[in-house]
């Protein structure tokens, strides 16, 4: 029996620290640079900021390299776990996120946030809630003894559903909250940040495995991309907070205010999925990643779409970045809980 304790990777383990340092560094750069930082924010094509688009593509492409759609052929063998994942991620999670965001930003926070700002904060939360996790969930599944093959199936199916469900769900929820939806920008964002890297990742995956073998692909090629993805994320955060610096200095409580509904949503969805899995009598190795996928978010996509729809300095972009900040410590607490409740 292998008693060796499973460990999260160095960069992933301290991601919250890196994000916090990027926040501090970004705000400092923004204050020092002043109006000159606008040169970067004005580098746009079709409302998409070019430097940030390149960085986000570098974040998302390595994620898509891991997806193996051939695994989907095994879906019929154990369908209950997949059905639970799809119901929670697409029929429950986006709507509870919108509800919690509406309660906090439109009702509870009226003394701190104007009605116009509230709409954009809610929009950022909706973008997070409508984008289920596709990358870090492999880490959470590993740490909780989840079935890696089944996790891959769940993530692969979710990625396919994102292609058709993300735009209508986001459009519906933003419409309900009275936020104007430029559908052309929304569709273009999904095309640029999901479809293209997904196709590129799939082609790269298949061609390299055919030439070099699966073992080389997983143990040599994929690890080389991990630092690229995380570095791109951190540089993006520096840029975002460089543009947000003045707003944060004026309202330093905003990060805490934004974090509260995101934290509540994460735990709420986790418990729904976990106890739903127990009710369905799922084995631990399937129930665990199902709950983790539900609780975590595809924040890379949410950040990209928030910037495209509302701009680098928007409250919506701020919410998605705070989502990155709080996700790792919350998910590590859930990993500990799942391991304590292992059955």
Protein backbone atom coordinates (compact mmCIF):
# COMPACT_ATOMS: atom_id res chain seq x y z
CA UNK A 1 0.00 0.00 0.00
CA UNK A 2 1.38 3.40 -0.97
CA UNK A 3 1.22 5.70 2.07
CA UNK A 4 2.94 8.61 0.36
CA UNK A 5 0.92 11.79 0.85
CA UNK A 6 -0.26 13.37 -2.37
CA UNK A 7 1.03 16.87 -2.96
CA UNK A 8 -0.22 19.73 -5.10
CA UNK A 9 2.33 21.30 -7.47
CA UNK A 10 4.44 24.20 -6.17
CA UNK A 11 2.88 26.85 -8.44
CA UNK A 12 -0.68 25.59 -7.87
CA UNK A 13 -0.20 25.29 -4.11
CA UNK A 14 0.83 28.92 -3.74
CA UNK A 15 -1.37 30.32 -6.52
CA UNK A 16 -3.25 32.54 -4.05
CA UNK A 17 0.06 34.04 -2.88
CA UNK A 18 1.15 34.68 -6.49
CA UNK A 19 -2.22 36.29 -7.22
CA UNK A 20 -1.95 38.50 -4.13
CA UNK A 21 1.56 39.59 -5.15
CA UNK A 22 0.31 40.33 -8.67
CA UNK A 23 -2.52 42.41 -7.23
CA UNK A 24 -0.07 44.46 -5.18
CA UNK A 25 2.39 44.73 -8.06
CA UNK A 26 -0.32 45.63 -10.58
CA UNK A 27 -1.83 48.33 -8.38
CA UNK A 28 1.64 49.81 -7.77
CA UNK A 29 2.44 49.82 -11.50
CA UNK A 30 -0.91 51.46 -12.25
CA UNK A 31 -0.34 54.23 -9.71
CA UNK A 32 3.25 54.86 -10.85
CA UNK A 33 2.47 54.74 -14.58
CA UNK A 34 -0.62 56.92 -14.32
CA UNK A 35 -2.28 57.76 -17.65
CA UNK A 36 0.56 56.22 -19.66
CA UNK A 37 -0.82 52.75 -18.85
CA UNK A 38 -3.71 53.58 -21.19
CA UNK A 39 -1.43 52.92 -24.16
CA UNK A 40 -1.74 49.19 -23.44
CA UNK A 41 -5.47 49.34 -22.77
CA UNK A 42 -6.05 51.04 -26.14
CA UNK A 43 -4.36 48.24 -28.14
CA UNK A 44 -7.61 46.65 -29.33
CA UNK A 45 -9.06 44.85 -32.34
CA UNK A 46 -12.86 44.45 -32.39
CA UNK A 47 -13.01 45.44 -28.68
CA UNK A 48 -10.52 42.68 -27.73
CA UNK A 49 -7.35 43.89 -26.00
CA UNK A 50 -4.44 42.37 -27.94
CA UNK A 51 -1.85 41.90 -25.10
CA UNK A 52 -4.44 40.38 -22.78
CA UNK A 53 -5.87 38.20 -25.57
CA UNK A 54 -2.43 36.73 -26.28
CA UNK A 55 -1.86 36.05 -22.58
CA UNK A 56 -5.26 34.43 -22.10
CA UNK A 57 -4.75 32.26 -25.17
CA UNK A 58 -1.48 31.10 -23.61
CA UNK A 59 -3.46 30.21 -20.49
CA UNK A 60 -6.21 28.29 -22.25
CA UNK A 61 -4.30 26.43 -24.98
CA UNK A 62 -2.28 24.25 -22.50
CA UNK A 63 -5.56 23.32 -20.80
CA UNK A 64 -7.08 22.16 -24.06
CA UNK A 65 -4.01 20.00 -24.77
CA UNK A 66 -5.16 17.66 -21.98
CA UNK A 67 -8.63 17.02 -23.39
CA UNK A 68 -9.12 13.62 -25.04
CA UNK A 69 -12.50 13.38 -26.74
CA UNK A 70 -11.96 9.69 -27.50
CA UNK A 71 -12.59 9.10 -23.78
CA UNK A 72 -16.23 10.13 -24.29
CA UNK A 73 -16.99 6.74 -25.88
CA UNK A 74 -16.90 5.29 -22.34
CA UNK A 75 -19.67 7.59 -21.08
CA UNK A 76 -22.39 4.94 -21.22
CA UNK A 77 -20.58 2.62 -18.78
CA UNK A 78 -21.18 4.78 -15.67
CA UNK A 79 -23.58 7.58 -16.64
CA UNK A 80 -24.83 8.72 -13.20
CA UNK A 81 -21.73 10.71 -12.29
CA UNK A 82 -21.73 12.50 -15.64
CA UNK A 83 -25.45 13.27 -15.41
CA UNK A 84 -24.91 14.76 -11.93
CA UNK A 85 -22.05 16.91 -13.23
CA UNK A 86 -24.08 18.20 -16.19
CA UNK A 87 -27.20 18.96 -14.12
CA UNK A 88 -25.23 20.88 -11.49
CA UNK A 89 -22.97 22.74 -13.91
CA UNK A 90 -25.58 23.78 -16.47
CA UNK A 91 -28.99 23.71 -14.77
CA UNK A 92 -28.14 24.84 -11.23
CA UNK A 93 -24.77 26.57 -10.87
CA UNK A 94 -25.17 29.54 -13.29
CA UNK A 95 -28.55 30.41 -11.76
CA UNK A 96 -27.49 30.19 -8.11
CA UNK A 97 -24.43 32.32 -8.91
CA UNK A 98 -26.67 34.94 -10.52
CA UNK A 99 -29.00 34.81 -7.50
CA UNK A 100 -26.25 35.25 -4.89
CA UNK A 101 -24.66 38.04 -6.95
CA UNK A 102 -28.01 39.81 -7.30
CA UNK A 103 -28.71 39.55 -3.54
CA UNK A 104 -25.32 40.93 -2.53
CA UNK A 105 -24.54 43.50 -5.24
CA UNK A 106 -28.07 44.85 -5.76
CA UNK A 107 -29.46 44.59 -2.23
CA UNK A 108 -26.90 44.17 0.55
CA UNK A 109 -24.13 46.35 -0.94
CA UNK A 110 -26.25 49.37 -1.92
CA UNK A 111 -24.28 51.60 0.48
CA UNK A 112 -21.01 50.72 -1.30
CA UNK A 113 -21.96 50.09 -4.95
CA UNK A 114 -24.10 52.17 -7.31
CA UNK A 115 -26.91 50.44 -9.28
CA UNK A 116 -24.95 50.84 -12.55
CA UNK A 117 -21.86 49.24 -11.04
CA UNK A 118 -23.97 46.49 -9.44
CA UNK A 119 -25.07 45.31 -12.89
CA UNK A 120 -21.48 44.82 -14.02
CA UNK A 121 -20.44 43.10 -10.79
CA UNK A 122 -23.36 40.70 -11.26
CA UNK A 123 -22.30 40.17 -14.88
CA UNK A 124 -18.78 39.15 -13.80
CA UNK A 125 -20.22 36.64 -11.34
CA UNK A 126 -22.51 35.22 -14.03
CA UNK A 127 -19.54 34.70 -16.35
CA UNK A 128 -17.78 32.75 -13.59
CA UNK A 129 -20.85 30.67 -12.80
CA UNK A 130 -21.46 29.73 -16.44
CA UNK A 131 -17.90 28.45 -17.00
CA UNK A 132 -17.27 25.09 -15.25
CA UNK A 133 -13.69 24.18 -14.43
CA UNK A 134 -11.58 22.41 -17.06
CA UNK A 135 -8.01 22.60 -15.75
CA UNK A 136 -7.47 22.73 -12.00
CA UNK A 137 -10.09 20.02 -11.49
CA UNK A 138 -7.46 17.46 -12.56
CA UNK A 139 -5.41 18.62 -9.57
CA UNK A 140 -8.39 18.45 -7.18
CA UNK A 141 -9.36 15.02 -8.50
CA UNK A 142 -5.81 13.73 -7.97
CA UNK A 143 -5.65 15.08 -4.40
CA UNK A 144 -8.96 13.43 -3.46
CA UNK A 145 -8.28 10.04 -5.12
CA UNK A 146 -10.73 10.69 -7.92
CA UNK A 147 -10.86 8.44 -10.97
CA UNK A 148 -8.61 10.28 -13.49
CA UNK A 149 -10.21 8.65 -16.54
CA UNK A 150 -13.72 9.53 -15.41
CA UNK A 151 -12.61 13.08 -14.58
CA UNK A 152 -11.29 13.38 -18.13
CA UNK A 153 -14.66 12.25 -19.50
CA UNK A 154 -16.51 14.81 -17.34
CA UNK A 155 -14.20 17.65 -18.39
CA UNK A 156 -14.28 16.68 -22.08
CA UNK A 157 -18.09 16.63 -22.17
CA UNK A 158 -18.23 19.96 -20.32
CA UNK A 159 -15.90 21.52 -22.87
CA UNK A 160 -18.16 20.40 -25.70
CA UNK A 161 -21.22 21.80 -23.93
CA UNK A 162 -19.48 25.14 -23.37
CA UNK A 163 -19.41 25.54 -27.15
CA UNK A 164 -23.20 25.55 -27.38
CA UNK A 165 -24.51 26.46 -23.89
CA UNK A 166 -22.21 29.23 -22.61
CA UNK A 167 -23.47 32.01 -24.91
CA UNK A 168 -27.25 31.41 -24.44
CA UNK A 169 -26.98 30.95 -20.66
CA UNK A 170 -24.85 34.07 -20.22
CA UNK A 171 -27.12 36.01 -22.57
CA UNK A 172 -30.24 34.89 -20.68
CA UNK A 173 -28.88 35.73 -17.23
CA UNK A 174 -27.38 39.05 -18.28
CA UNK A 175 -30.69 39.94 -19.92
CA UNK A 176 -32.60 39.14 -16.72
CA UNK A 177 -30.27 41.42 -14.76
CA UNK A 178 -30.78 44.23 -17.33
CA UNK A 179 -27.22 44.20 -18.63
CA UNK A 180 -26.91 44.95 -22.34
CA UNK A 181 -25.52 41.91 -24.16
CA UNK A 182 -23.44 42.52 -27.31
CA UNK A 183 -23.94 39.02 -28.69
CA UNK A 184 -21.41 39.52 -31.48
CA UNK A 185 -18.67 40.17 -28.91
CA UNK A 186 -19.86 37.28 -26.74
CA UNK A 187 -19.85 34.82 -29.63
CA UNK A 188 -16.49 36.11 -30.88
CA UNK A 189 -15.02 35.63 -27.39
CA UNK A 190 -16.14 31.99 -27.25
CA UNK A 191 -14.76 31.45 -30.75
CA UNK A 192 -11.36 33.00 -29.92
CA UNK A 193 -10.93 31.68 -26.38
CA UNK A 194 -12.65 28.27 -26.57
CA UNK A 195 -13.17 26.98 -30.10
CA UNK A 196 -9.77 27.88 -31.61
CA UNK A 197 -7.62 26.69 -28.66
CA UNK A 198 -9.81 23.59 -28.30
CA UNK A 199 -9.30 22.63 -31.94
CA UNK A 200 -5.59 23.53 -31.79
CA UNK A 201 -5.15 21.52 -28.58
CA UNK A 202 -6.97 18.50 -30.01
CA UNK A 203 -4.85 18.51 -33.20
CA UNK A 204 -1.64 18.93 -31.21
CA UNK A 205 -2.66 16.16 -28.80
CA UNK A 206 -3.42 13.62 -31.51
CA UNK A 207 -0.44 14.43 -33.76
CA UNK A 208 2.16 14.35 -30.95
CA UNK A 209 0.79 11.16 -29.39
CA UNK A 210 0.86 9.51 -32.82
CA UNK A 211 4.49 10.60 -33.39
CA UNK A 212 6.01 10.36 -29.90
CA UNK A 213 3.63 8.21 -27.88
CA UNK A 214 1.25 8.94 -25.00
CA UNK A 215 3.87 8.46 -22.28
CA UNK A 216 6.17 11.14 -23.80
CA UNK A 217 3.23 13.49 -24.32
CA UNK A 218 2.08 13.27 -20.69
CA UNK A 219 5.44 13.14 -18.92
CA UNK A 220 7.60 15.40 -21.12
CA UNK A 221 5.51 17.68 -23.32
CA UNK A 222 2.60 18.64 -21.03
CA UNK A 223 4.77 19.53 -17.99
CA UNK A 224 6.65 22.07 -20.12
CA UNK A 225 3.44 24.02 -20.67
CA UNK A 226 2.39 24.28 -17.02
CA UNK A 227 4.73 27.20 -16.19
CA UNK A 228 3.68 28.95 -19.43
CA UNK A 229 0.01 28.80 -18.48
CA UNK A 230 0.52 30.00 -14.91
CA UNK A 231 2.98 32.73 -15.93
CA UNK A 232 0.49 34.02 -18.52
CA UNK A 233 -2.21 34.08 -15.82
CA UNK A 234 0.00 36.06 -13.43
CA UNK A 235 1.06 38.61 -16.06
CA UNK A 236 -2.61 39.05 -17.02
CA UNK A 237 -3.47 39.76 -13.39
CA UNK A 238 -0.69 42.35 -13.14
CA UNK A 239 -2.11 44.13 -16.19
CA UNK A 240 -5.69 43.95 -14.92
CA UNK A 241 -4.81 45.43 -11.55
CA UNK A 242 -2.58 48.04 -13.14
CA UNK A 243 -5.74 49.27 -14.90
CA UNK A 244 -7.90 48.79 -11.77
CA UNK A 245 -5.42 50.36 -9.34
CA UNK A 246 -7.11 53.74 -8.93
CA UNK A 247 -10.56 52.18 -8.37
CA UNK A 248 -9.20 49.81 -5.71
CA UNK A 249 -7.36 52.58 -3.84
CA UNK A 250 -10.61 54.58 -3.76
CA UNK A 251 -12.56 51.56 -2.50
CA UNK A 252 -10.14 49.13 -0.79
CA UNK A 253 -12.99 47.00 0.63
CA UNK A 254 -14.19 46.02 -2.82
CA UNK A 255 -12.11 42.83 -3.05
CA UNK A 256 -13.60 41.53 0.23
CA UNK A 257 -17.12 42.54 -0.81
CA UNK A 258 -16.74 40.73 -4.13
CA UNK A 259 -15.24 37.64 -2.51
CA UNK A 260 -18.14 36.99 -0.09
CA UNK A 261 -20.84 35.88 -2.59
CA UNK A 262 -18.23 33.91 -4.57
CA UNK A 263 -17.20 31.98 -1.45
CA UNK A 264 -20.83 31.26 -0.49
CA UNK A 265 -21.61 30.05 -4.01
CA UNK A 266 -18.59 27.72 -4.07
CA UNK A 267 -19.49 25.94 -0.83
CA UNK A 268 -23.20 25.85 -1.73
CA UNK A 269 -22.59 24.12 -5.07
CA UNK A 270 -20.05 21.74 -3.55
CA UNK A 271 -22.51 20.50 -0.91
CA UNK A 272 -25.33 20.12 -3.45
CA UNK A 273 -23.09 18.00 -5.69
CA UNK A 274 -21.45 16.00 -2.92
CA UNK A 275 -24.68 15.00 -1.18
CA UNK A 276 -26.36 14.50 -4.55
CA UNK A 277 -23.57 12.05 -5.42
CA UNK A 278 -23.99 10.24 -2.11
CA UNK A 279 -27.74 10.00 -2.73
CA UNK A 280 -27.04 8.47 -6.15
CA UNK A 281 -24.65 6.01 -4.46
CA UNK A 282 -21.70 7.11 -6.58
CA UNK A 283 -18.32 5.69 -5.55
CA UNK A 284 -15.97 8.14 -3.88
CA UNK A 285 -13.66 8.20 -6.92
CA UNK A 286 -16.52 9.64 -9.05
CA UNK A 287 -18.41 11.69 -6.46
CA UNK A 288 -15.21 13.55 -5.52
CA UNK A 289 -14.31 15.03 -8.95
CA UNK A 290 -18.00 15.69 -9.66
CA UNK A 291 -18.19 17.92 -6.59
CA UNK A 292 -14.88 19.60 -7.44
CA UNK A 293 -15.94 20.41 -11.02
CA UNK A 294 -19.14 21.96 -9.71
CA UNK A 295 -17.38 24.06 -7.09
CA UNK A 296 -14.56 25.44 -9.25
CA UNK A 297 -14.62 27.65 -12.35
CA UNK A 298 -13.01 28.03 -15.77
CA UNK A 299 -11.77 31.44 -14.64
CA UNK A 300 -9.49 31.87 -17.67
CA UNK A 301 -12.54 31.97 -19.94
CA UNK A 302 -14.51 34.16 -17.53
CA UNK A 303 -11.65 36.71 -17.36
CA UNK A 304 -11.32 36.77 -21.15
CA UNK A 305 -15.04 37.28 -21.83
CA UNK A 306 -15.42 39.89 -19.06
CA UNK A 307 -12.61 41.94 -20.59
CA UNK A 308 -14.05 41.59 -24.10
CA UNK A 309 -17.58 42.53 -23.04
CA UNK A 310 -16.95 45.21 -20.43
CA UNK A 311 -13.31 46.30 -20.66
CA UNK A 312 -10.13 45.96 -18.65
CA UNK A 313 -11.17 48.48 -15.99
CA UNK A 314 -14.68 47.12 -15.51
CA UNK A 315 -16.23 45.79 -12.29
CA UNK A 316 -17.02 42.58 -14.25
CA UNK A 317 -13.32 41.97 -14.90
CA UNK A 318 -12.63 42.67 -11.21
CA UNK A 319 -15.08 39.95 -10.12
CA UNK A 320 -13.51 37.31 -12.36
CA UNK A 321 -10.04 38.15 -11.04
CA UNK A 322 -11.20 37.95 -7.41
CA UNK A 323 -12.57 34.53 -8.40
CA UNK A 324 -9.00 33.47 -9.15
CA UNK A 325 -7.83 34.88 -5.81
CA UNK A 326 -10.31 32.96 -3.64
CA UNK A 327 -10.57 29.71 -5.60
CA UNK A 328 -7.39 27.91 -4.53
CA UNK A 329 -7.71 28.30 -0.72
CA UNK A 330 -11.40 27.39 -0.87
CA UNK A 331 -10.77 24.35 -3.06
CA UNK A 332 -7.93 23.18 -0.79
CA UNK A 333 -10.35 23.36 2.15
CA UNK A 334 -12.80 21.24 0.16
CA UNK A 335 -10.04 18.76 -0.70
CA UNK A 336 -9.39 18.35 3.02
CA UNK A 337 -13.12 17.91 3.66
CA UNK A 338 -13.55 15.31 0.91
CA UNK A 339 -10.57 13.33 2.19
CA UNK A 340 -11.98 13.44 5.71
CA UNK A 341 -15.34 12.19 4.42
CA UNK A 342 -13.82 9.51 2.21
CA UNK A 343 -16.02 6.41 2.04
